[in-house]
Protein backbone atom coordinates (compact mmCIF):
# COMPACT_ATOMS: atom_id res chain seq x y z
CA UNK A 1 -9.26 -15.44 4.66
CA UNK A 2 -6.99 -15.92 7.49
CA UNK A 3 -5.00 -13.68 9.88
CA UNK A 4 -2.28 -15.95 10.40
CA UNK A 5 1.60 -14.79 9.60
CA UNK A 6 3.62 -16.98 7.66
CA UNK A 7 7.28 -18.30 8.87
CA UNK A 8 8.80 -19.33 5.49
CA UNK A 9 11.25 -17.04 3.64
CA UNK A 10 9.26 -13.69 2.50
CA UNK A 11 9.91 -11.00 0.22
CA UNK A 12 8.89 -7.67 1.19
CA UNK A 13 7.19 -4.82 -1.37
CA UNK A 14 5.72 -1.54 -0.21
CA UNK A 15 2.50 -0.25 -1.31
CA UNK A 16 4.16 3.23 -2.80
CA UNK A 17 7.74 3.54 -1.37
CA UNK A 18 8.60 6.86 -2.57
CA UNK A 19 4.91 8.67 -1.33
CA UNK A 20 5.59 6.80 1.62
CA UNK A 21 9.42 7.98 2.33
CA UNK A 22 8.24 11.51 1.29
CA UNK A 23 5.25 11.56 3.64
CA UNK A 24 7.43 10.44 6.69
CA UNK A 25 10.20 13.25 5.33
CA UNK A 26 7.33 15.80 5.27
CA UNK A 27 6.41 14.70 8.64
CA UNK A 28 9.37 14.88 10.56
CA UNK A 29 10.37 18.47 9.16
CA UNK A 30 7.01 19.90 9.99
CA UNK A 31 6.45 18.51 13.24
CA UNK A 32 10.65 19.76 14.14
CA UNK A 33 9.43 23.27 12.94
CA UNK A 34 6.24 23.25 14.64
CA UNK A 35 7.17 22.06 17.86
CA UNK A 36 10.47 23.94 18.41
CA UNK A 37 9.60 27.56 16.51
CA UNK A 38 6.07 27.92 17.83
CA UNK A 39 5.37 30.34 20.52
CA UNK A 40 2.17 29.09 21.73
CA UNK A 41 1.41 32.31 23.70
CA UNK A 42 2.10 34.59 20.51
CA UNK A 43 -1.63 35.37 18.59
CA UNK A 44 0.29 35.58 15.19
CA UNK A 45 2.33 32.60 15.15
CA UNK A 46 3.26 31.13 11.49
CA UNK A 47 4.88 27.81 12.87
CA UNK A 48 1.70 26.90 14.43
CA UNK A 49 0.55 25.82 10.56
CA UNK A 50 3.41 23.52 10.51
CA UNK A 51 2.14 21.35 13.18
CA UNK A 52 -1.36 20.96 11.37
CA UNK A 53 0.43 20.23 7.89
CA UNK A 54 2.55 17.70 9.90
CA UNK A 55 -0.56 15.77 10.94
CA UNK A 56 -1.81 16.15 7.94
CA UNK A 57 1.44 14.37 6.21
CA UNK A 58 0.96 11.59 9.19
CA UNK A 59 -2.61 10.91 7.79
CA UNK A 60 -0.98 10.22 4.24
CA UNK A 61 1.76 8.23 5.61
CA UNK A 62 -0.91 6.15 7.10
CA UNK A 63 -2.35 5.19 3.71
CA UNK A 64 0.97 4.73 2.14
CA UNK A 65 2.88 2.71 4.95
CA UNK A 66 1.38 -0.64 3.72
CA UNK A 67 3.41 -3.46 2.67
CA UNK A 68 2.93 -6.64 1.03
CA UNK A 69 5.08 -10.01 1.88
CA UNK A 70 4.91 -12.74 -0.40
CA UNK A 71 5.88 -16.17 0.89
CA UNK A 72 5.35 -19.76 0.31
CA UNK A 73 2.01 -19.70 2.26
CA UNK A 74 0.59 -16.96 0.68
CA UNK A 75 0.34 -13.11 0.57
CA UNK A 76 0.19 -11.09 3.83
CA UNK A 77 -0.50 -7.29 3.83
CA UNK A 78 0.90 -5.46 6.79
CA UNK A 79 -0.09 -1.69 7.85
CA UNK A 80 2.25 -0.90 11.02
CA UNK A 81 0.36 2.66 11.71
CA UNK A 82 -3.08 1.54 11.30
CA UNK A 83 -2.06 -1.99 13.02
CA UNK A 84 -3.56 -4.09 10.20
CA UNK A 85 -3.11 -7.62 8.97
CA UNK A 86 -4.53 -9.35 6.03
CA UNK A 87 -3.58 -12.84 5.08
CA UNK A 88 -4.43 -14.42 1.67
CA UNK A 89 -3.04 -17.97 1.24
CA UNK A 90 -2.27 -19.26 -2.09
CA UNK A 91 -5.39 -21.69 -1.92
CA UNK A 92 -7.59 -18.83 -1.41
CA UNK A 93 -6.51 -16.69 -4.03
CA UNK A 94 -8.94 -16.76 -7.00
CA UNK A 95 -7.31 -14.15 -9.33
CA UNK A 96 -4.12 -12.14 -9.45
CA UNK A 97 -4.31 -9.22 -11.82
CA UNK A 98 -2.70 -5.64 -13.19
CA UNK A 99 -4.62 -3.10 -13.29
CA UNK A 100 -4.99 -0.76 -16.65
CA UNK A 101 -6.94 1.95 -15.81
CA UNK A 102 -8.13 4.40 -13.15
CA UNK A 103 -11.46 5.97 -13.84
CA UNK A 104 -11.60 5.12 -17.05
CA UNK A 105 -8.20 6.95 -17.71
CA UNK A 106 -4.56 5.17 -18.22
CA UNK A 107 -2.59 5.02 -15.04
CA UNK A 108 0.49 6.73 -13.77
CA UNK A 109 1.62 3.66 -12.04
CA UNK A 110 0.06 -0.15 -12.73
CA UNK A 111 -1.26 -1.89 -9.71
CA UNK A 112 -0.88 -5.30 -8.75
CA UNK A 113 -3.79 -7.19 -6.94
CA UNK A 114 -4.69 -10.28 -5.23
CA UNK A 115 -8.19 -11.19 -5.06
CA UNK A 116 -10.30 -13.96 -3.68
CA UNK A 117 -12.70 -12.83 -6.07
CA UNK A 118 -12.64 -13.41 -9.82
CA UNK A 119 -11.89 -10.04 -11.55
CA UNK A 120 -11.88 -9.54 -15.32
CA UNK A 121 -9.34 -7.66 -17.57
CA UNK A 122 -11.04 -4.42 -17.29
CA UNK A 123 -11.36 -4.09 -13.26
CA UNK A 124 -11.01 -0.43 -12.27
CA UNK A 125 -8.77 0.04 -8.94
CA UNK A 126 -10.16 3.70 -8.69
CA UNK A 127 -13.69 1.68 -7.11
CA UNK A 128 -11.73 -0.74 -4.95
CA UNK A 129 -10.33 -0.44 -1.46
CA UNK A 130 -7.55 -2.26 0.35
CA UNK A 131 -9.78 -5.15 1.92
CA UNK A 132 -9.04 -8.45 3.25
CA UNK A 133 -10.38 -9.85 -0.07
CA UNK A 134 -8.16 -7.42 -2.36
CA UNK A 135 -4.73 -6.63 -1.58
CA UNK A 136 -2.69 -4.28 -3.89
CA UNK A 137 0.45 -2.75 -4.40
CA UNK A 138 2.11 -0.59 -7.49
CA UNK A 139 3.34 -3.26 -9.56
CA UNK A 140 6.83 -3.80 -9.82
CA UNK A 141 9.03 -6.46 -12.13
CA UNK A 142 10.37 -7.98 -8.82
CA UNK A 143 7.22 -8.31 -7.62
CA UNK A 144 5.83 -9.72 -10.71
CA UNK A 145 8.69 -12.17 -10.64
CA UNK A 146 7.74 -13.78 -6.95
CA UNK A 147 4.34 -13.82 -7.86
CA UNK A 148 5.08 -16.28 -10.96
CA UNK A 149 7.53 -18.47 -8.57
CA UNK A 150 4.11 -19.17 -6.75
CA UNK A 151 1.11 -18.66 -9.07
CA UNK A 152 0.91 -20.88 -11.77
CA UNK A 153 -2.33 -19.55 -13.09
CA UNK A 154 -2.93 -16.49 -15.68
CA UNK A 155 -1.80 -12.98 -14.24
CA UNK A 156 -4.91 -10.97 -15.51
CA UNK A 157 -3.57 -8.05 -18.21
CA UNK A 158 0.05 -9.34 -17.85
CA UNK A 159 2.25 -10.19 -21.01
C-alpha cells in the first residue's frame, strides 16, 4: 500500500452522497439554531440541545464524507474531515466485488469494494471497516463502468 496520489485523469465517487449532504445540511441548520438562539445564562434553554445535535450530525458527516477517486494508477480513498488518505495501485488490488448482504440480510445499498486480499462471493460488508487494505463505496453503475476500464479480471457478484 502506498499513500501517494495519482496525477492522471480521475473520476470521483462519494461513499454515500445523499447521507453526506443530509448530515451537512442538518449540521449547519442545528449549529445556526444553537449559536444564534441559545441564551447560555438561562437554565431552561431548549436551543442548547440544538448545539449537541449539531455535533452528533458532524460525527455522522465524518463517516459519510469519504470519497473514492479512480484513476489510471489506482484507487484512492480520501476523507477530508478525518484527514485520511489511502491509495491502492491497480497492481496491488487482488479483488474487486459487489456485496450482496449485510449481516446475512439483503442490503438496501450494494457496496463496491476494492481489496488487496482475496474475498469470496459471500463476503459480508457488516464485519468490514474502511481500511488501507479495503476501500468501499456504495455501488453505482458509473463507478462499475469506470472500474471495468481498468480492471480486466472478474468482479465478484457482478453480472
